[in-house]
Amino acid sequence: MLFLLKLLLGFAIFYALLYWLVPPANFVYEGTRLPFWLLKLRKLVKPVPAPEKIKYGKHFRQYILCFKPIGGIPEKQHAVIYIHGSGWQYGRPEMFTANAQWLAGQGYHAFFISHRRIPQCDIRHLREDTALAIKTIVDSLAQNGLSHKKILLSGNSAGANLVALAFLDPSLLATVGLSPAIFSALALLAAPLDLRVMWSSPPLLMLTRMKKAEIFDLANPIIYLESVPKIPILLIHGDADGIVEYQNSVVFAEKLLSLGFESLQFETLKGGMHLDSASWCLEGYECCFLMKKWLNELEK
């Protein structure tokens, strides 16, 4: 018992040193703050009816959580499809219930997607899951008399990478008989949009099987950026992001503008780290203000 207490004390001291001494804009700095950020989200979860869970495949991670607008709140025109971050390997939609409830509180039908993970799977499996999940959501909207809803496609970090691929690469949704034309808006938060400017992190190497050329291209949204449907696109990224380099959004935005795209809103969180871009359900955070303002404009 004494040994265990010493071990825990040693870990606590080590953690505190990392928390206070490691400078910003790197993954260690971000990682030490992640537990406290998750606690903030957990405290926001309300005791409202549980979301509906829909399976779209045989694997236990192939499911969608469906959140309905909170009673008494006028419904918005859009339904929201969202894929969370966590490096293509961690997290579950349940961890982001606060985000989903925030959307439901604004009057949105929100669909949060779970998918298979690396390292057992790679981008080929994740692309397949993304397409199947979106098809399942479109079918669910139709079955529930909601086919008139416009669809806002959104994601954070690794999730934003997957939704960007669904939007930009027509061949992805074609496998389930759909087209990117079903989307009316796109929100990408701290998104890996040009994998060529990212460092060779273990998750990226696992996702692309050690950057094997044909697999790497399947994971890289910017190579599909040619003819883009003229819908509103929101980019939010912190310029001190220690997980997904800020340059991802910069390069992507520059290419969009070079193609004559005029419906882009690119917001830089000055001094913002990776978690700041995912904090759009936390009132008082800049990302929350920006997201709410953009959504309100979208509904007009």
Protein backbone atom coordinates (compact mmCIF):
# COMPACT_ATOMS: atom_id res chain seq x y z
CA MET A 1 0.00 0.00 0.00
CA LEU A 2 2.82 2.40 0.88
CA PHE A 3 4.48 1.65 -2.45
CA LEU A 4 1.24 2.39 -4.30
CA LEU A 5 0.82 5.72 -2.48
CA LYS A 6 4.39 6.69 -3.36
CA LEU A 7 3.76 5.73 -6.96
CA LEU A 8 0.59 7.84 -7.12
CA LEU A 9 2.35 10.78 -5.47
CA GLY A 10 5.21 10.51 -7.93
CA PHE A 11 2.80 10.47 -10.85
CA ALA A 12 0.93 13.50 -9.46
CA ILE A 13 4.17 15.46 -9.11
CA PHE A 14 5.28 14.47 -12.61
CA TYR A 15 1.88 15.47 -14.04
CA ALA A 16 1.96 18.82 -12.24
CA LEU A 17 5.43 19.54 -13.59
CA LEU A 18 4.31 18.76 -17.12
CA TYR A 19 1.18 20.90 -16.68
CA TRP A 20 3.04 23.98 -15.48
CA LEU A 21 6.41 23.74 -17.22
CA VAL A 22 5.72 22.46 -20.73
CA PRO A 23 5.21 25.42 -23.14
CA PRO A 24 2.08 25.69 -25.32
CA ALA A 25 1.64 24.52 -28.92
CA ASN A 26 2.65 20.88 -28.53
CA PHE A 27 0.86 17.59 -27.86
CA VAL A 28 2.17 17.24 -24.27
CA TYR A 29 0.73 20.63 -23.32
CA GLU A 30 -2.60 19.69 -24.91
CA GLY A 31 -2.65 16.26 -23.28
CA THR A 32 -2.20 17.58 -19.73
CA ARG A 33 -5.27 19.78 -20.17
CA LEU A 34 -7.50 17.17 -21.79
CA PRO A 35 -8.82 15.57 -18.53
CA PHE A 36 -9.96 18.96 -17.17
CA TRP A 37 -11.60 19.86 -20.47
CA LEU A 38 -13.51 16.56 -20.51
CA LEU A 39 -14.69 17.26 -16.96
CA LYS A 40 -16.10 20.59 -18.13
CA LEU A 41 -18.07 18.80 -20.83
CA ARG A 42 -19.32 16.17 -18.40
CA LYS A 43 -20.65 18.83 -16.01
CA LEU A 44 -22.76 20.30 -18.82
CA VAL A 45 -24.66 17.07 -19.55
CA LYS A 46 -28.35 17.46 -18.70
CA PRO A 47 -30.72 14.73 -17.43
CA VAL A 48 -32.86 14.78 -20.58
CA PRO A 49 -34.20 11.74 -22.47
CA ALA A 50 -31.43 9.47 -23.72
CA PRO A 51 -30.59 9.67 -27.41
CA GLU A 52 -31.70 6.97 -29.82
CA LYS A 53 -28.91 4.61 -30.86
CA ILE A 54 -28.90 3.34 -34.45
CA LYS A 55 -26.56 0.62 -35.71
CA TYR A 56 -25.23 0.85 -39.26
CA GLY A 57 -22.94 -2.19 -39.25
CA LYS A 58 -22.05 -5.37 -37.37
CA HIS A 59 -19.03 -3.96 -35.50
CA PHE A 60 -19.84 -2.69 -32.01
CA ARG A 61 -18.42 0.74 -32.85
CA GLN A 62 -20.61 1.21 -35.92
CA TYR A 63 -23.47 3.22 -34.46
CA ILE A 64 -25.01 6.69 -34.38
CA LEU A 65 -26.46 8.62 -31.44
CA CYS A 66 -29.53 10.62 -32.50
CA PHE A 67 -30.50 13.66 -30.42
CA LYS A 68 -33.86 15.39 -30.94
CA PRO A 69 -34.52 19.09 -30.32
CA ILE A 70 -35.38 19.76 -26.71
CA GLY A 71 -39.16 20.08 -26.21
CA GLY A 72 -40.67 23.50 -26.71
CA ILE A 73 -37.80 24.85 -28.81
CA PRO A 74 -38.63 25.73 -32.44
CA GLU A 75 -36.88 23.33 -34.82
CA LYS A 76 -34.16 24.63 -37.11
CA GLN A 77 -34.07 24.05 -40.86
CA HIS A 78 -30.88 22.02 -40.61
CA ALA A 79 -30.07 18.63 -39.19
CA VAL A 80 -26.47 18.27 -38.01
CA ILE A 81 -24.18 15.32 -38.74
CA TYR A 82 -21.08 15.39 -36.53
CA ILE A 83 -17.98 13.22 -36.13
CA HIS A 84 -15.87 13.84 -33.03
CA GLY A 85 -12.07 13.96 -32.90
CA SER A 86 -9.54 11.95 -30.84
CA GLY A 87 -6.99 10.93 -33.44
CA TRP A 88 -9.08 8.33 -35.30
CA GLN A 89 -8.51 6.02 -32.32
CA TYR A 90 -10.08 7.32 -29.09
CA GLY A 91 -13.35 8.69 -27.79
CA ARG A 92 -17.01 7.86 -28.21
CA PRO A 93 -20.02 10.01 -29.15
CA GLU A 94 -21.25 9.61 -25.56
CA MET A 95 -18.27 11.69 -24.39
CA PHE A 96 -19.61 14.60 -26.44
CA THR A 97 -23.17 14.48 -25.18
CA ALA A 98 -22.79 18.08 -23.97
CA ASN A 99 -22.06 19.17 -27.54
CA ALA A 100 -25.07 17.27 -28.87
CA GLN A 101 -27.35 18.66 -26.16
CA TRP A 102 -26.12 22.16 -26.98
CA LEU A 103 -27.28 21.64 -30.57
CA ALA A 104 -30.57 20.10 -29.41
CA GLY A 105 -31.05 23.13 -27.18
CA GLN A 106 -30.71 25.33 -30.27
CA GLY A 107 -33.45 23.33 -32.04
CA TYR A 108 -31.38 20.94 -34.15
CA HIS A 109 -31.70 17.24 -34.82
CA ALA A 110 -28.13 16.09 -34.18
CA PHE A 111 -26.50 12.84 -35.28
CA PHE A 112 -23.17 11.90 -33.68
CA ILE A 113 -21.27 9.13 -35.47
CA SER A 114 -19.08 6.40 -33.99
CA HIS A 115 -16.70 4.53 -36.30
CA ARG A 116 -14.13 1.77 -36.23
CA ARG A 117 -10.64 2.77 -35.13
CA ILE A 118 -6.97 2.56 -35.90
CA PRO A 119 -4.70 0.61 -35.58
CA GLN A 120 -6.96 -2.39 -36.30
CA CYS A 121 -8.53 -0.39 -39.13
CA ASP A 122 -7.17 2.23 -41.52
CA ILE A 123 -8.59 5.06 -43.63
CA ARG A 124 -10.25 2.60 -46.03
CA HIS A 125 -12.44 1.23 -43.24
CA LEU A 126 -13.12 4.70 -41.81
CA ARG A 127 -14.21 6.00 -45.22
CA GLU A 128 -16.57 3.05 -45.50
CA ASP A 129 -18.00 3.76 -42.04
CA THR A 130 -18.47 7.44 -42.85
CA ALA A 131 -20.43 6.66 -46.01
CA LEU A 132 -22.57 3.98 -44.35
CA ALA A 133 -23.34 6.20 -41.36
CA ILE A 134 -24.37 9.16 -43.52
CA LYS A 135 -26.59 6.88 -45.63
CA THR A 136 -28.21 5.55 -42.44
CA ILE A 137 -28.86 9.10 -41.21
CA VAL A 138 -30.40 10.17 -44.53
CA ASP A 139 -32.68 7.11 -44.42
CA SER A 140 -33.60 7.84 -40.80
CA LEU A 141 -34.55 11.43 -41.66
CA ALA A 142 -36.82 10.14 -44.43
CA GLN A 143 -38.42 7.49 -42.20
CA ASN A 144 -39.21 10.10 -39.56
CA GLY A 145 -40.73 12.64 -41.93
CA LEU A 146 -37.66 14.86 -41.82
CA SER A 147 -36.39 14.50 -45.37
CA HIS A 148 -37.06 18.23 -45.88
CA LYS A 149 -34.24 19.06 -43.48
CA LYS A 150 -31.09 20.61 -44.89
CA ILE A 151 -27.94 18.81 -43.77
CA LEU A 152 -25.04 20.51 -42.02
CA LEU A 153 -21.96 18.26 -42.12
CA SER A 154 -19.46 18.96 -39.36
CA GLY A 155 -16.58 17.53 -37.39
CA ASN A 156 -13.66 18.26 -35.15
CA SER A 157 -10.04 17.19 -35.66
CA ALA A 158 -9.92 13.59 -36.98
CA GLY A 159 -13.71 13.70 -37.38
CA ALA A 160 -13.37 16.84 -39.51
CA ASN A 161 -10.92 14.96 -41.71
CA LEU A 162 -13.54 12.28 -42.37
CA VAL A 163 -16.42 14.67 -43.08
CA ALA A 164 -14.16 16.73 -45.38
CA LEU A 165 -13.47 13.56 -47.37
CA ALA A 166 -17.20 12.81 -47.56
CA PHE A 167 -17.84 16.30 -48.89
CA LEU A 168 -14.91 16.58 -51.32
CA ASP A 169 -14.53 13.06 -52.72
CA PRO A 170 -17.70 12.08 -54.65
CA SER A 171 -16.54 8.48 -54.88
CA LEU A 172 -16.89 8.05 -51.11
CA LEU A 173 -20.65 8.64 -50.96
CA ALA A 174 -21.20 7.06 -54.39
CA THR A 175 -20.57 3.68 -52.72
CA VAL A 176 -23.91 4.09 -50.90
CA GLY A 177 -25.79 5.79 -53.73
CA LEU A 178 -25.46 9.35 -52.43
CA SER A 179 -23.81 12.56 -53.60
CA PRO A 180 -22.14 15.43 -51.70
CA ALA A 181 -24.97 17.57 -53.11
CA ILE A 182 -27.08 16.44 -50.12
CA PHE A 183 -25.09 18.80 -47.87
CA SER A 184 -26.05 22.46 -47.51
CA ALA A 185 -23.21 23.58 -45.21
CA LEU A 186 -19.86 22.37 -43.88
CA ALA A 187 -18.10 23.17 -40.58
CA LEU A 188 -14.51 21.99 -40.08
CA LEU A 189 -12.90 22.55 -36.69
CA ALA A 190 -9.13 22.10 -36.21
CA ALA A 191 -9.21 19.83 -39.24
CA PRO A 192 -6.38 17.76 -40.78
CA LEU A 193 -7.04 18.96 -44.32
CA ASP A 194 -3.61 18.69 -45.90
CA LEU A 195 -1.78 15.72 -44.40
CA ARG A 196 1.40 16.72 -46.24
CA VAL A 197 1.98 19.56 -43.76
CA MET A 198 1.50 17.32 -40.72
CA TRP A 199 4.26 15.59 -38.79
CA SER A 200 4.49 11.81 -39.03
CA SER A 201 2.66 11.08 -35.80
CA PRO A 202 1.86 7.46 -34.85
CA PRO A 203 -1.89 7.96 -35.51
CA LEU A 204 -1.23 9.35 -38.99
CA LEU A 205 1.12 6.47 -39.80
CA MET A 206 -1.44 3.93 -38.57
CA LEU A 207 -4.24 5.63 -40.50
CA THR A 208 -2.32 5.54 -43.78
CA ARG A 209 -0.32 2.32 -43.23
CA MET A 210 3.02 4.12 -42.93
CA LYS A 211 2.05 6.70 -45.57
CA LYS A 212 1.60 4.10 -48.27
CA ALA A 213 0.95 6.29 -51.32
CA GLU A 214 -2.47 5.09 -52.48
CA ILE A 215 -3.77 4.84 -48.92
CA PHE A 216 -2.33 8.24 -47.95
CA ASP A 217 -4.21 9.89 -50.81
CA LEU A 218 -7.48 8.35 -49.64
CA ALA A 219 -6.99 10.17 -46.31
CA ASN A 220 -5.94 13.58 -47.67
CA PRO A 221 -8.90 15.92 -48.28
CA ILE A 222 -7.02 18.68 -50.12
CA ILE A 223 -6.20 16.52 -53.12
CA TYR A 224 -9.94 16.32 -53.87
CA LEU A 225 -10.37 20.08 -53.65
CA GLU A 226 -11.12 21.03 -57.24
CA SER A 227 -14.75 21.78 -58.00
CA VAL A 228 -16.53 22.59 -54.74
CA PRO A 229 -20.31 23.00 -54.37
CA LYS A 230 -21.10 26.61 -53.49
CA ILE A 231 -22.30 26.11 -49.93
CA PRO A 232 -21.25 27.95 -46.74
CA ILE A 233 -18.04 26.56 -45.26
CA LEU A 234 -16.75 27.41 -41.79
CA LEU A 235 -13.15 26.80 -40.75
CA ILE A 236 -12.08 27.36 -37.14
CA HIS A 237 -8.52 26.69 -36.03
CA GLY A 238 -6.27 27.89 -33.23
CA ASP A 239 -2.90 29.25 -34.33
CA ALA A 240 -1.22 27.59 -31.31
CA ASP A 241 -2.72 24.15 -32.02
CA GLY A 242 -0.32 21.49 -30.73
CA ILE A 243 -2.08 18.49 -32.32
CA VAL A 244 -3.20 19.49 -35.83
CA GLU A 245 -0.97 22.13 -37.38
CA TYR A 246 -2.74 25.45 -38.03
CA GLN A 247 -1.20 25.39 -41.52
CA ASN A 248 -3.75 22.70 -42.48
CA SER A 249 -6.56 25.25 -42.47
CA VAL A 250 -4.41 28.02 -43.93
CA VAL A 251 -3.39 25.99 -46.99
CA PHE A 252 -6.94 24.69 -47.45
CA ALA A 253 -8.45 28.18 -47.25
CA GLU A 254 -5.90 29.56 -49.71
CA LYS A 255 -6.71 26.87 -52.24
CA LEU A 256 -10.45 27.42 -51.80
CA LEU A 257 -10.01 31.13 -52.46
CA SER A 258 -7.78 30.45 -55.48
CA LEU A 259 -10.67 28.44 -56.95
CA GLY A 260 -12.93 31.49 -56.63
CA PHE A 261 -14.87 30.13 -53.67
CA GLU A 262 -16.76 32.98 -51.98
CA SER A 263 -18.75 31.27 -49.22
CA LEU A 264 -15.83 30.63 -46.87
CA GLN A 265 -15.58 31.92 -43.31
CA PHE A 266 -12.14 31.21 -41.85
CA GLU A 267 -11.79 32.07 -38.16
CA THR A 268 -8.43 31.99 -36.37
CA LEU A 269 -8.45 31.55 -32.61
CA LYS A 270 -5.53 33.76 -31.58
CA GLY A 271 -3.34 31.74 -29.21
CA GLY A 272 -5.94 28.97 -29.38
CA MET A 273 -4.91 25.37 -28.78
CA HIS A 274 -6.48 22.23 -30.21
CA LEU A 275 -9.11 21.89 -27.49
CA ASP A 276 -10.31 25.45 -28.03
CA SER A 277 -11.62 24.51 -31.48
CA ALA A 278 -13.72 21.74 -29.93
CA SER A 279 -15.15 24.03 -27.23
CA TRP A 280 -18.11 25.29 -29.24
CA CYS A 281 -20.62 24.12 -26.59
CA LEU A 282 -18.85 25.99 -23.78
CA GLU A 283 -20.51 29.36 -23.29
CA GLY A 284 -17.96 32.14 -22.92
CA TYR A 285 -15.46 30.51 -25.28
CA GLU A 286 -14.68 32.31 -28.53
CA CYS A 287 -15.40 29.18 -30.54
CA CYS A 288 -18.90 28.99 -29.05
CA PHE A 289 -19.59 32.60 -30.00
CA LEU A 290 -18.32 32.05 -33.56
CA MET A 291 -20.28 28.84 -34.03
CA LYS A 292 -23.51 30.30 -32.70
CA LYS A 293 -23.19 33.38 -34.91
CA TRP A 294 -22.46 31.29 -38.02
CA LEU A 295 -25.37 28.93 -37.31
CA ASN A 296 -27.75 31.86 -36.86
CA GLU A 297 -26.67 33.30 -40.22
CA LEU A 298 -27.08 29.88 -41.80
CA GLU A 299 -30.68 29.67 -40.66
CA LYS A 300 -31.69 33.04 -42.12
